[in-house]
Amino acid sequence: MTETIDPSNATPVSQPVPPALLMPAIRLYGPVDYGMYASFRSVMDNPPAGEFAIAITTLGGDPEVGRVMGEDVRLHCQTAGNNVLFLGRVAVYSAGATFMSYFRRENRWLTHGTRLLIHERQIEKTIGIKGPLRSCIATLKASLAEIEESIRIEEEGFANIIAQSDLTLDEVRERAHHDWYVEAGEAMQLGLVTGVV
């Protein structure tokens, strides 16, 4: 048993904490990028037997890398039948929250004082228009399709992160529009995670 914080009254409560959380098999630090993915795969290529935990501390990075790590965890759980736990420590921003969204709520944990950052995807792109008019239309349509598809992927991520929580998709859309920071206790209270250690 490890003490956790009950956000409704901010007093410690006893709650069973899976032993795997105390010694995570995978510890990820820094930007969510291909370097992190290589470190992640170095363990996932020969994963521990039984239940294990993945701890992460990140200020964000590439959301697609967060998604592919999440898919790797999902497929591992399906094929190996093992349970994998998520432990967010100190900061789980942006692409880190995307990675967290691939874990079921009962497998999501945060350390006390950790902050999540959930926000809309960003784009910075200059579109040059030059040449025959029809080719200009094609260029604009391609950029619009890229933005629309990114919005669909973003909405899938939002739906995953709030599954089993007390939030609606409209609420998370509104909060994410302005860089939504969520403290660990609030995340537990909202049902985004199962516990705070």
N, C-alpha and C. Protein backbone atom coordinates (compact mmCIF):
# COMPACT_ATOMS: atom_id res chain seq x y z
N MET A 1 0.85 -1.19 0.00
CA MET A 1 0.00 0.00 0.00
C MET A 1 0.88 1.24 0.00
N THR A 2 0.50 2.20 -0.81
CA THR A 2 1.23 3.46 -0.89
C THR A 2 0.23 4.58 -0.74
N GLU A 3 0.63 5.65 -0.08
CA GLU A 3 -0.29 6.76 0.09
C GLU A 3 -0.50 7.49 -1.22
N THR A 4 -1.74 7.82 -1.48
CA THR A 4 -2.08 8.65 -2.63
C THR A 4 -2.90 9.82 -2.11
N ILE A 5 -3.14 10.78 -2.98
CA ILE A 5 -3.88 11.97 -2.58
C ILE A 5 -5.30 11.90 -3.10
N ASP A 6 -6.24 12.05 -2.21
CA ASP A 6 -7.64 12.16 -2.60
C ASP A 6 -7.91 13.63 -2.91
N PRO A 7 -8.13 13.99 -4.20
CA PRO A 7 -8.26 15.40 -4.55
C PRO A 7 -9.49 16.07 -3.96
N SER A 8 -10.47 15.30 -3.52
CA SER A 8 -11.69 15.93 -2.99
C SER A 8 -11.44 16.60 -1.64
N ASN A 9 -10.46 16.08 -0.87
CA ASN A 9 -10.19 16.73 0.42
C ASN A 9 -8.70 16.91 0.69
N ALA A 10 -7.88 16.56 -0.28
CA ALA A 10 -6.42 16.77 -0.22
C ALA A 10 -5.76 16.10 0.98
N THR A 11 -6.37 14.99 1.47
CA THR A 11 -5.73 14.23 2.54
C THR A 11 -5.29 12.89 1.98
N PRO A 12 -4.18 12.34 2.52
CA PRO A 12 -3.71 11.05 2.02
C PRO A 12 -4.75 9.96 2.26
N VAL A 13 -4.90 9.08 1.29
CA VAL A 13 -5.77 7.93 1.44
C VAL A 13 -4.97 6.70 1.04
N SER A 14 -5.28 5.57 1.66
CA SER A 14 -4.62 4.33 1.29
C SER A 14 -5.30 3.73 0.08
N GLN A 15 -4.50 3.39 -0.89
CA GLN A 15 -5.04 2.81 -2.12
C GLN A 15 -3.99 1.84 -2.66
N PRO A 16 -4.41 0.65 -3.06
CA PRO A 16 -3.41 -0.30 -3.54
C PRO A 16 -2.72 0.23 -4.80
N VAL A 17 -1.41 0.19 -4.79
CA VAL A 17 -0.61 0.64 -5.93
C VAL A 17 0.10 -0.58 -6.49
N PRO A 18 -0.03 -0.84 -7.79
CA PRO A 18 0.65 -1.99 -8.37
C PRO A 18 2.16 -1.93 -8.13
N PRO A 19 2.77 -3.02 -7.67
CA PRO A 19 4.21 -3.02 -7.39
C PRO A 19 5.06 -2.62 -8.60
N ALA A 20 4.58 -2.91 -9.79
CA ALA A 20 5.35 -2.58 -11.01
C ALA A 20 5.61 -1.08 -11.13
N LEU A 21 4.75 -0.25 -10.53
CA LEU A 21 4.94 1.20 -10.61
C LEU A 21 6.17 1.66 -9.84
N LEU A 22 6.57 0.90 -8.83
CA LEU A 22 7.68 1.32 -7.98
C LEU A 22 9.04 1.12 -8.65
N MET A 23 9.09 0.24 -9.64
CA MET A 23 10.33 0.00 -10.39
C MET A 23 9.99 -0.13 -11.87
N PRO A 24 9.70 1.00 -12.54
CA PRO A 24 9.30 0.92 -13.96
C PRO A 24 10.35 0.22 -14.82
N ALA A 25 9.90 -0.65 -15.70
CA ALA A 25 10.81 -1.37 -16.61
C ALA A 25 11.37 -0.45 -17.68
N ILE A 26 10.59 0.58 -18.05
CA ILE A 26 11.02 1.54 -19.07
C ILE A 26 10.90 2.93 -18.47
N ARG A 27 11.98 3.72 -18.55
CA ARG A 27 11.98 5.10 -18.05
C ARG A 27 12.35 6.01 -19.20
N LEU A 28 11.41 6.86 -19.60
CA LEU A 28 11.59 7.74 -20.74
C LEU A 28 11.70 9.19 -20.27
N TYR A 29 12.71 9.90 -20.80
CA TYR A 29 12.95 11.29 -20.41
C TYR A 29 13.22 12.11 -21.67
N GLY A 30 12.78 13.36 -21.66
CA GLY A 30 13.13 14.27 -22.75
C GLY A 30 12.08 14.35 -23.83
N PRO A 31 12.46 14.90 -24.98
CA PRO A 31 11.49 15.09 -26.05
C PRO A 31 10.99 13.76 -26.62
N VAL A 32 9.71 13.75 -26.96
CA VAL A 32 9.14 12.58 -27.63
C VAL A 32 9.58 12.65 -29.09
N ASP A 33 10.60 11.88 -29.41
CA ASP A 33 11.16 11.90 -30.76
C ASP A 33 11.68 10.51 -31.10
N TYR A 34 12.40 10.38 -32.22
CA TYR A 34 12.86 9.05 -32.62
C TYR A 34 13.95 8.51 -31.70
N GLY A 35 14.67 9.40 -31.00
CA GLY A 35 15.62 8.95 -29.99
C GLY A 35 14.90 8.27 -28.84
N MET A 36 13.79 8.89 -28.36
CA MET A 36 13.00 8.28 -27.31
C MET A 36 12.42 6.96 -27.79
N TYR A 37 11.96 6.95 -29.04
CA TYR A 37 11.36 5.72 -29.57
C TYR A 37 12.38 4.58 -29.59
N ALA A 38 13.63 4.89 -29.96
CA ALA A 38 14.68 3.87 -29.98
C ALA A 38 14.92 3.32 -28.58
N SER A 39 14.94 4.19 -27.57
CA SER A 39 15.11 3.77 -26.19
C SER A 39 13.94 2.89 -25.74
N PHE A 40 12.74 3.30 -26.10
CA PHE A 40 11.52 2.56 -25.79
C PHE A 40 11.55 1.17 -26.42
N ARG A 41 11.94 1.11 -27.70
CA ARG A 41 11.96 -0.17 -28.42
C ARG A 41 13.04 -1.10 -27.89
N SER A 42 14.13 -0.53 -27.36
CA SER A 42 15.22 -1.38 -26.86
C SER A 42 14.74 -2.30 -25.74
N VAL A 43 13.72 -1.87 -25.01
CA VAL A 43 13.14 -2.73 -23.97
C VAL A 43 11.93 -3.50 -24.53
N MET A 44 11.12 -2.84 -25.33
CA MET A 44 9.91 -3.49 -25.84
C MET A 44 10.22 -4.64 -26.79
N ASP A 45 11.41 -4.66 -27.37
CA ASP A 45 11.78 -5.78 -28.23
C ASP A 45 12.00 -7.06 -27.43
N ASN A 46 12.25 -6.92 -26.14
CA ASN A 46 12.40 -8.07 -25.25
C ASN A 46 11.78 -7.70 -23.90
N PRO A 47 10.45 -7.56 -23.87
CA PRO A 47 9.79 -7.01 -22.68
C PRO A 47 9.81 -7.95 -21.49
N PRO A 48 9.66 -7.38 -20.29
CA PRO A 48 9.59 -8.22 -19.09
C PRO A 48 8.35 -9.11 -19.14
N ALA A 49 8.42 -10.22 -18.44
CA ALA A 49 7.25 -11.09 -18.32
C ALA A 49 6.29 -10.48 -17.32
N GLY A 50 5.03 -10.66 -17.56
CA GLY A 50 4.02 -10.17 -16.63
C GLY A 50 3.81 -8.67 -16.72
N GLU A 51 3.14 -8.13 -15.70
CA GLU A 51 2.82 -6.71 -15.67
C GLU A 51 4.07 -5.87 -15.49
N PHE A 52 4.18 -4.78 -16.25
CA PHE A 52 5.30 -3.85 -16.06
C PHE A 52 4.82 -2.44 -16.32
N ALA A 53 5.66 -1.46 -15.92
CA ALA A 53 5.30 -0.05 -16.02
C ALA A 53 6.26 0.70 -16.92
N ILE A 54 5.72 1.73 -17.55
CA ILE A 54 6.51 2.67 -18.35
C ILE A 54 6.35 4.04 -17.71
N ALA A 55 7.47 4.63 -17.28
CA ALA A 55 7.46 5.97 -16.69
C ALA A 55 7.94 6.97 -17.74
N ILE A 56 7.34 8.14 -17.75
CA ILE A 56 7.74 9.16 -18.73
C ILE A 56 7.72 10.54 -18.09
N THR A 57 8.72 11.34 -18.46
CA THR A 57 8.79 12.76 -18.14
C THR A 57 9.15 13.46 -19.44
N THR A 58 8.27 14.35 -19.91
CA THR A 58 8.54 15.01 -21.18
C THR A 58 7.83 16.36 -21.28
N LEU A 59 8.48 17.28 -21.96
CA LEU A 59 7.86 18.58 -22.27
C LEU A 59 7.20 18.56 -23.64
N GLY A 60 7.10 17.38 -24.24
CA GLY A 60 6.40 17.25 -25.51
C GLY A 60 7.31 16.81 -26.63
N GLY A 61 6.81 16.95 -27.85
CA GLY A 61 7.59 16.52 -29.01
C GLY A 61 6.68 16.16 -30.17
N ASP A 62 7.04 15.11 -30.87
CA ASP A 62 6.34 14.68 -32.09
C ASP A 62 5.13 13.83 -31.72
N PRO A 63 3.91 14.31 -32.01
CA PRO A 63 2.73 13.54 -31.63
C PRO A 63 2.65 12.19 -32.33
N GLU A 64 3.22 12.09 -33.54
CA GLU A 64 3.16 10.81 -34.25
C GLU A 64 4.05 9.77 -33.58
N VAL A 65 5.15 10.20 -32.98
CA VAL A 65 5.98 9.26 -32.21
C VAL A 65 5.22 8.81 -30.97
N GLY A 66 4.52 9.73 -30.32
CA GLY A 66 3.67 9.36 -29.19
C GLY A 66 2.62 8.34 -29.58
N ARG A 67 2.05 8.52 -30.77
CA ARG A 67 1.03 7.59 -31.26
C ARG A 67 1.62 6.22 -31.56
N VAL A 68 2.80 6.18 -32.18
CA VAL A 68 3.36 4.87 -32.54
C VAL A 68 3.81 4.11 -31.30
N MET A 69 4.32 4.82 -30.28
CA MET A 69 4.65 4.13 -29.02
C MET A 69 3.37 3.58 -28.39
N GLY A 70 2.30 4.37 -28.44
CA GLY A 70 1.02 3.91 -27.90
C GLY A 70 0.50 2.68 -28.63
N GLU A 71 0.64 2.68 -29.94
CA GLU A 71 0.21 1.52 -30.73
C GLU A 71 1.05 0.30 -30.38
N ASP A 72 2.34 0.50 -30.16
CA ASP A 72 3.21 -0.63 -29.78
C ASP A 72 2.75 -1.23 -28.46
N VAL A 73 2.39 -0.38 -27.50
CA VAL A 73 1.89 -0.88 -26.21
C VAL A 73 0.58 -1.62 -26.41
N ARG A 74 -0.32 -1.05 -27.18
CA ARG A 74 -1.62 -1.68 -27.43
C ARG A 74 -1.45 -3.07 -28.06
N LEU A 75 -0.60 -3.15 -29.07
CA LEU A 75 -0.39 -4.43 -29.75
C LEU A 75 0.30 -5.44 -28.84
N HIS A 76 1.23 -4.96 -28.01
CA HIS A 76 1.90 -5.86 -27.06
C HIS A 76 0.88 -6.46 -26.10
N CYS A 77 -0.01 -5.63 -25.57
CA CYS A 77 -1.01 -6.12 -24.62
C CYS A 77 -1.93 -7.14 -25.29
N GLN A 78 -2.27 -6.90 -26.55
CA GLN A 78 -3.15 -7.83 -27.26
C GLN A 78 -2.47 -9.16 -27.54
N THR A 79 -1.22 -9.12 -27.96
CA THR A 79 -0.55 -10.35 -28.38
C THR A 79 0.06 -11.11 -27.20
N ALA A 80 0.66 -10.40 -26.24
CA ALA A 80 1.33 -11.07 -25.12
C ALA A 80 0.38 -11.31 -23.95
N GLY A 81 -0.73 -10.56 -23.91
CA GLY A 81 -1.67 -10.70 -22.80
C GLY A 81 -1.17 -10.09 -21.51
N ASN A 82 -0.10 -9.29 -21.59
CA ASN A 82 0.45 -8.62 -20.40
C ASN A 82 -0.25 -7.29 -20.17
N ASN A 83 -0.25 -6.87 -18.92
CA ASN A 83 -0.78 -5.56 -18.58
C ASN A 83 0.38 -4.58 -18.48
N VAL A 84 0.24 -3.42 -19.12
CA VAL A 84 1.28 -2.39 -19.09
C VAL A 84 0.71 -1.14 -18.42
N LEU A 85 1.43 -0.62 -17.45
CA LEU A 85 0.99 0.55 -16.69
C LEU A 85 1.73 1.80 -17.16
N PHE A 86 1.07 2.93 -17.07
CA PHE A 86 1.64 4.23 -17.41
C PHE A 86 1.89 5.00 -16.13
N LEU A 87 3.10 5.56 -15.99
CA LEU A 87 3.41 6.42 -14.83
C LEU A 87 3.98 7.74 -15.34
N GLY A 88 3.20 8.80 -15.24
CA GLY A 88 3.66 10.13 -15.61
C GLY A 88 4.34 10.78 -14.42
N ARG A 89 5.53 11.34 -14.66
CA ARG A 89 6.30 11.94 -13.57
C ARG A 89 6.67 13.38 -13.91
N VAL A 90 6.31 14.30 -13.05
CA VAL A 90 6.64 15.72 -13.08
C VAL A 90 5.94 16.45 -14.23
N ALA A 91 6.24 16.10 -15.48
CA ALA A 91 5.63 16.77 -16.64
C ALA A 91 5.29 15.74 -17.71
N VAL A 92 4.05 15.75 -18.13
CA VAL A 92 3.60 14.89 -19.24
C VAL A 92 2.86 15.82 -20.20
N TYR A 93 3.64 16.47 -21.04
CA TYR A 93 3.09 17.50 -21.91
C TYR A 93 2.86 16.98 -23.32
N SER A 94 1.81 17.49 -23.94
CA SER A 94 1.60 17.38 -25.38
C SER A 94 1.69 15.94 -25.88
N ALA A 95 2.77 15.61 -26.61
CA ALA A 95 2.91 14.26 -27.16
C ALA A 95 2.99 13.20 -26.07
N GLY A 96 3.43 13.60 -24.86
CA GLY A 96 3.42 12.66 -23.73
C GLY A 96 2.00 12.30 -23.34
N ALA A 97 1.10 13.29 -23.37
CA ALA A 97 -0.30 13.03 -23.08
C ALA A 97 -0.93 12.18 -24.18
N THR A 98 -0.47 12.40 -25.42
CA THR A 98 -0.93 11.55 -26.53
C THR A 98 -0.57 10.09 -26.24
N PHE A 99 0.67 9.86 -25.81
CA PHE A 99 1.10 8.50 -25.46
C PHE A 99 0.22 7.95 -24.34
N MET A 100 -0.03 8.75 -23.31
CA MET A 100 -0.85 8.30 -22.19
C MET A 100 -2.24 7.87 -22.64
N SER A 101 -2.77 8.52 -23.68
CA SER A 101 -4.14 8.24 -24.12
C SER A 101 -4.33 6.80 -24.60
N TYR A 102 -3.23 6.11 -24.91
CA TYR A 102 -3.33 4.73 -25.38
C TYR A 102 -3.47 3.72 -24.25
N PHE A 103 -3.36 4.17 -23.01
CA PHE A 103 -3.52 3.29 -21.86
C PHE A 103 -4.94 3.42 -21.32
N ARG A 104 -5.52 2.30 -20.88
CA ARG A 104 -6.82 2.37 -20.24
C ARG A 104 -6.70 3.17 -18.95
N ARG A 105 -7.78 3.82 -18.57
CA ARG A 105 -7.71 4.69 -17.39
C ARG A 105 -7.20 3.96 -16.16
N GLU A 106 -7.63 2.71 -15.97
CA GLU A 106 -7.21 1.98 -14.76
C GLU A 106 -5.70 1.69 -14.75
N ASN A 107 -5.04 1.90 -15.88
CA ASN A 107 -3.59 1.68 -15.95
C ASN A 107 -2.80 2.99 -15.97
N ARG A 108 -3.47 4.12 -15.81
CA ARG A 108 -2.79 5.42 -15.82
C ARG A 108 -2.58 5.93 -14.41
N TRP A 109 -1.32 6.28 -14.10
CA TRP A 109 -0.96 6.82 -12.80
C TRP A 109 -0.06 8.03 -13.01
N LEU A 110 -0.10 8.95 -12.04
CA LEU A 110 0.79 10.12 -12.03
C LEU A 110 1.45 10.23 -10.66
N THR A 111 2.65 10.77 -10.64
CA THR A 111 3.25 11.09 -9.34
C THR A 111 2.66 12.41 -8.85
N HIS A 112 2.68 12.58 -7.53
CA HIS A 112 2.11 13.78 -6.91
C HIS A 112 2.75 15.04 -7.50
N GLY A 113 1.92 16.00 -7.87
CA GLY A 113 2.41 17.27 -8.41
C GLY A 113 2.70 17.27 -9.90
N THR A 114 2.56 16.14 -10.55
CA THR A 114 2.77 16.07 -12.01
C THR A 114 1.72 16.93 -12.71
N ARG A 115 2.13 17.53 -13.82
CA ARG A 115 1.21 18.30 -14.66
C ARG A 115 1.09 17.63 -16.03
N LEU A 116 -0.15 17.51 -16.49
CA LEU A 116 -0.42 17.15 -17.88
C LEU A 116 -0.60 18.44 -18.66
N LEU A 117 -0.22 18.43 -19.93
CA LEU A 117 -0.56 19.54 -20.84
C LEU A 117 -1.26 18.94 -22.04
N ILE A 118 -2.50 19.37 -22.22
CA ILE A 118 -3.31 18.92 -23.34
C ILE A 118 -3.65 20.14 -24.17
N HIS A 119 -3.31 20.10 -25.44
CA HIS A 119 -3.60 21.26 -26.30
C HIS A 119 -3.86 20.82 -27.73
N GLU A 120 -4.32 21.77 -28.52
CA GLU A 120 -4.58 21.49 -29.93
C GLU A 120 -3.26 21.30 -30.67
N ARG A 121 -3.30 20.54 -31.74
CA ARG A 121 -2.12 20.41 -32.59
C ARG A 121 -1.81 21.76 -33.23
N GLN A 122 -0.53 21.98 -33.46
CA GLN A 122 -0.08 23.25 -34.03
C GLN A 122 0.46 23.02 -35.45
N ILE A 123 0.40 24.06 -36.25
CA ILE A 123 1.01 23.99 -37.58
C ILE A 123 1.63 25.34 -37.89
N GLU A 124 2.78 25.30 -38.52
CA GLU A 124 3.41 26.52 -39.01
C GLU A 124 3.86 26.21 -40.43
N LYS A 125 3.21 26.84 -41.38
CA LYS A 125 3.45 26.48 -42.77
C LYS A 125 3.19 27.68 -43.67
N THR A 126 4.11 27.90 -44.58
CA THR A 126 3.92 28.94 -45.59
C THR A 126 3.56 28.24 -46.90
N ILE A 127 2.48 28.71 -47.50
CA ILE A 127 2.02 28.11 -48.75
C ILE A 127 2.35 29.08 -49.88
N GLY A 128 3.18 28.64 -50.79
CA GLY A 128 3.53 29.47 -51.95
C GLY A 128 2.60 29.17 -53.11
N ILE A 129 2.04 30.20 -53.68
CA ILE A 129 1.14 30.05 -54.82
C ILE A 129 1.82 30.65 -56.05
N LYS A 130 2.08 29.79 -57.02
CA LYS A 130 2.74 30.25 -58.24
C LYS A 130 2.52 29.23 -59.33
N GLY A 131 2.24 29.70 -60.52
CA GLY A 131 2.08 28.79 -61.65
C GLY A 131 0.65 28.77 -62.16
N PRO A 132 0.33 27.76 -62.99
CA PRO A 132 -1.02 27.65 -63.55
C PRO A 132 -2.07 27.60 -62.45
N LEU A 133 -3.21 28.23 -62.71
CA LEU A 133 -4.24 28.36 -61.69
C LEU A 133 -4.71 27.02 -61.14
N ARG A 134 -4.88 26.02 -62.04
CA ARG A 134 -5.37 24.72 -61.56
C ARG A 134 -4.37 24.06 -60.60
N SER A 135 -3.09 24.23 -60.87
CA SER A 135 -2.10 23.65 -59.96
C SER A 135 -2.10 24.39 -58.63
N CYS A 136 -2.44 25.70 -58.66
CA CYS A 136 -2.54 26.46 -57.40
C CYS A 136 -3.69 25.92 -56.55
N ILE A 137 -4.80 25.58 -57.19
CA ILE A 137 -5.95 25.01 -56.46
C ILE A 137 -5.55 23.69 -55.83
N ALA A 138 -4.81 22.86 -56.58
CA ALA A 138 -4.38 21.56 -56.06
C ALA A 138 -3.48 21.73 -54.83
N THR A 139 -2.59 22.73 -54.88
CA THR A 139 -1.70 23.00 -53.74
C THR A 139 -2.51 23.38 -52.50
N LEU A 140 -3.49 24.26 -52.69
CA LEU A 140 -4.32 24.69 -51.56
C LEU A 140 -5.16 23.55 -51.01
N LYS A 141 -5.71 22.71 -51.91
CA LYS A 141 -6.53 21.58 -51.47
C LYS A 141 -5.69 20.57 -50.67
N ALA A 142 -4.45 20.37 -51.10
CA ALA A 142 -3.57 19.43 -50.39
C ALA A 142 -3.29 19.93 -48.97
N SER A 143 -3.05 21.23 -48.83
CA SER A 143 -2.79 21.80 -47.50
C SER A 143 -4.04 21.73 -46.63
N LEU A 144 -5.21 22.00 -47.21
CA LEU A 144 -6.45 21.91 -46.46
C LEU A 144 -6.71 20.48 -46.01
N ALA A 145 -6.44 19.50 -46.89
CA ALA A 145 -6.64 18.09 -46.53
C ALA A 145 -5.71 17.70 -45.38
N GLU A 146 -4.48 18.20 -45.39
CA GLU A 146 -3.53 17.92 -44.31
C GLU A 146 -4.07 18.45 -42.98
N ILE A 147 -4.59 19.67 -42.98
CA ILE A 147 -5.12 20.27 -41.76
C ILE A 147 -6.35 19.50 -41.27
N GLU A 148 -7.25 19.17 -42.19
CA GLU A 148 -8.47 18.45 -41.80
C GLU A 148 -8.15 17.08 -41.23
N GLU A 149 -7.18 16.39 -41.83
CA GLU A 149 -6.81 15.06 -41.31
C GLU A 149 -6.15 15.18 -39.94
N SER A 150 -5.33 16.22 -39.75
CA SER A 150 -4.70 16.44 -38.45
C SER A 150 -5.76 16.71 -37.38
N ILE A 151 -6.80 17.43 -37.74
CA ILE A 151 -7.90 17.69 -36.79
C ILE A 151 -8.60 16.39 -36.43
N ARG A 152 -8.82 15.50 -37.41
CA ARG A 152 -9.45 14.21 -37.12
C ARG A 152 -8.59 13.38 -36.18
N ILE A 153 -7.28 13.37 -36.41
CA ILE A 153 -6.36 12.63 -35.53
C ILE A 153 -6.38 13.23 -34.13
N GLU A 154 -6.39 14.56 -34.06
CA GLU A 154 -6.46 15.25 -32.77
C GLU A 154 -7.72 14.84 -32.00
N GLU A 155 -8.85 14.81 -32.70
CA GLU A 155 -10.12 14.46 -32.05
C GLU A 155 -10.11 13.02 -31.55
N GLU A 156 -9.48 12.12 -32.31
CA GLU A 156 -9.34 10.73 -31.85
C GLU A 156 -8.56 10.69 -30.54
N GLY A 157 -7.47 11.47 -30.49
CA GLY A 157 -6.66 11.51 -29.28
C GLY A 157 -7.42 12.07 -28.10
N PHE A 158 -8.17 13.15 -28.33
CA PHE A 158 -8.98 13.73 -27.26
C PHE A 158 -10.00 12.70 -26.74
N ALA A 159 -10.64 11.98 -27.68
CA ALA A 159 -11.64 10.98 -27.29
C ALA A 159 -11.00 9.88 -26.45
N ASN A 160 -9.77 9.46 -26.84
CA ASN A 160 -9.08 8.42 -26.09
C ASN A 160 -8.71 8.89 -24.68
N ILE A 161 -8.22 10.11 -24.58
CA ILE A 161 -7.74 10.58 -23.27
C ILE A 161 -8.87 10.80 -22.28
N ILE A 162 -10.08 11.09 -22.76
CA ILE A 162 -11.19 11.32 -21.84
C ILE A 162 -12.11 10.11 -21.71
N ALA A 163 -11.78 9.01 -22.39
CA ALA A 163 -12.61 7.80 -22.26
C ALA A 163 -12.66 7.40 -20.79
N GLN A 164 -13.83 7.08 -20.30
CA GLN A 164 -14.09 6.68 -18.90
C GLN A 164 -13.99 7.86 -17.93
N SER A 165 -13.81 9.08 -18.44
CA SER A 165 -13.71 10.23 -17.53
C SER A 165 -15.05 10.94 -17.43
N ASP A 166 -15.07 12.03 -16.66
CA ASP A 166 -16.29 12.81 -16.49
C ASP A 166 -16.39 13.95 -17.50
N LEU A 167 -15.46 14.00 -18.46
CA LEU A 167 -15.43 15.10 -19.43
C LEU A 167 -16.11 14.71 -20.73
N THR A 168 -16.66 15.71 -21.40
CA THR A 168 -17.20 15.50 -22.75
C THR A 168 -16.16 15.97 -23.77
N LEU A 169 -16.35 15.54 -25.00
CA LEU A 169 -15.43 15.95 -26.06
C LEU A 169 -15.48 17.46 -26.26
N ASP A 170 -16.66 18.06 -26.16
CA ASP A 170 -16.77 19.52 -26.29
C ASP A 170 -15.98 20.24 -25.19
N GLU A 171 -16.03 19.71 -23.98
CA GLU A 171 -15.29 20.33 -22.86
C GLU A 171 -13.79 20.27 -23.09
N VAL A 172 -13.29 19.12 -23.53
CA VAL A 172 -11.85 19.01 -23.72
C VAL A 172 -11.40 19.84 -24.92
N ARG A 173 -12.23 19.93 -25.96
CA ARG A 173 -11.91 20.80 -27.10
C ARG A 173 -11.74 22.24 -26.62
N GLU A 174 -12.68 22.70 -25.81
CA GLU A 174 -12.64 24.09 -25.33
C GLU A 174 -11.42 24.34 -24.45
N ARG A 175 -11.13 23.42 -23.54
CA ARG A 175 -9.99 23.61 -22.64
C ARG A 175 -8.66 23.50 -23.40
N ALA A 176 -8.58 22.58 -24.34
CA ALA A 176 -7.34 22.34 -25.07
C ALA A 176 -7.00 23.51 -26.00
N HIS A 177 -7.97 24.32 -26.33
CA HIS A 177 -7.74 25.47 -27.22
C HIS A 177 -6.77 26.47 -26.60
N HIS A 178 -6.70 26.48 -25.26
CA HIS A 178 -5.86 27.45 -24.55
C HIS A 178 -4.83 26.76 -23.65
N ASP A 179 -4.10 25.78 -24.19
CA ASP A 179 -3.06 25.09 -23.41
C ASP A 179 -3.57 24.71 -22.02
N TRP A 180 -4.21 23.57 -21.92
CA TRP A 180 -4.85 23.11 -20.70
C TRP A 180 -3.85 22.33 -19.84
N TYR A 181 -3.42 22.92 -18.73
CA TYR A 181 -2.56 22.25 -17.76
C TYR A 181 -3.44 21.61 -16.69
N VAL A 182 -3.19 20.34 -16.41
CA VAL A 182 -4.00 19.59 -15.44
C VAL A 182 -3.07 19.02 -14.38
N GLU A 183 -3.25 19.45 -13.14
CA GLU A 183 -2.45 18.93 -12.03
C GLU A 183 -2.93 17.51 -11.71
N ALA A 184 -2.02 16.69 -11.15
CA ALA A 184 -2.29 15.27 -10.92
C ALA A 184 -3.58 15.03 -10.15
N GLY A 185 -3.79 15.76 -9.07
CA GLY A 185 -5.01 15.58 -8.28
C GLY A 185 -6.27 15.88 -9.07
N GLU A 186 -6.22 16.95 -9.88
CA GLU A 186 -7.37 17.29 -10.72
C GLU A 186 -7.59 16.21 -11.77
N ALA A 187 -6.49 15.69 -12.35
CA ALA A 187 -6.61 14.64 -13.36
C ALA A 187 -7.30 13.41 -12.77
N MET A 188 -6.97 13.10 -11.51
CA MET A 188 -7.61 11.97 -10.85
C MET A 188 -9.09 12.26 -10.58
N GLN A 189 -9.37 13.47 -10.15
CA GLN A 189 -10.75 13.85 -9.85
C GLN A 189 -11.61 13.82 -11.10
N LEU A 190 -11.05 14.22 -12.24
CA LEU A 190 -11.79 14.22 -13.50
C LEU A 190 -11.89 12.85 -14.13
N GLY A 191 -11.15 11.89 -13.60
CA GLY A 191 -11.20 10.55 -14.16
C GLY A 191 -10.26 10.32 -15.32
N LEU A 192 -9.25 11.19 -15.48
CA LEU A 192 -8.27 11.00 -16.56
C LEU A 192 -7.25 9.94 -16.19
N VAL A 193 -6.98 9.77 -14.88
CA VAL A 193 -6.05 8.77 -14.39
C VAL A 193 -6.70 8.05 -13.22
N THR A 194 -6.14 6.90 -12.87
CA THR A 194 -6.74 6.13 -11.78
C THR A 194 -6.18 6.47 -10.42
N GLY A 195 -4.94 6.99 -10.37
CA GLY A 195 -4.37 7.28 -9.07
C GLY A 195 -3.15 8.18 -9.13
N VAL A 196 -2.80 8.70 -7.96
CA VAL A 196 -1.64 9.58 -7.79
C VAL A 196 -0.77 8.95 -6.72
N VAL A 197 0.50 8.76 -7.02
CA VAL A 197 1.41 8.10 -6.07
C VAL A 197 2.50 9.04 -5.60
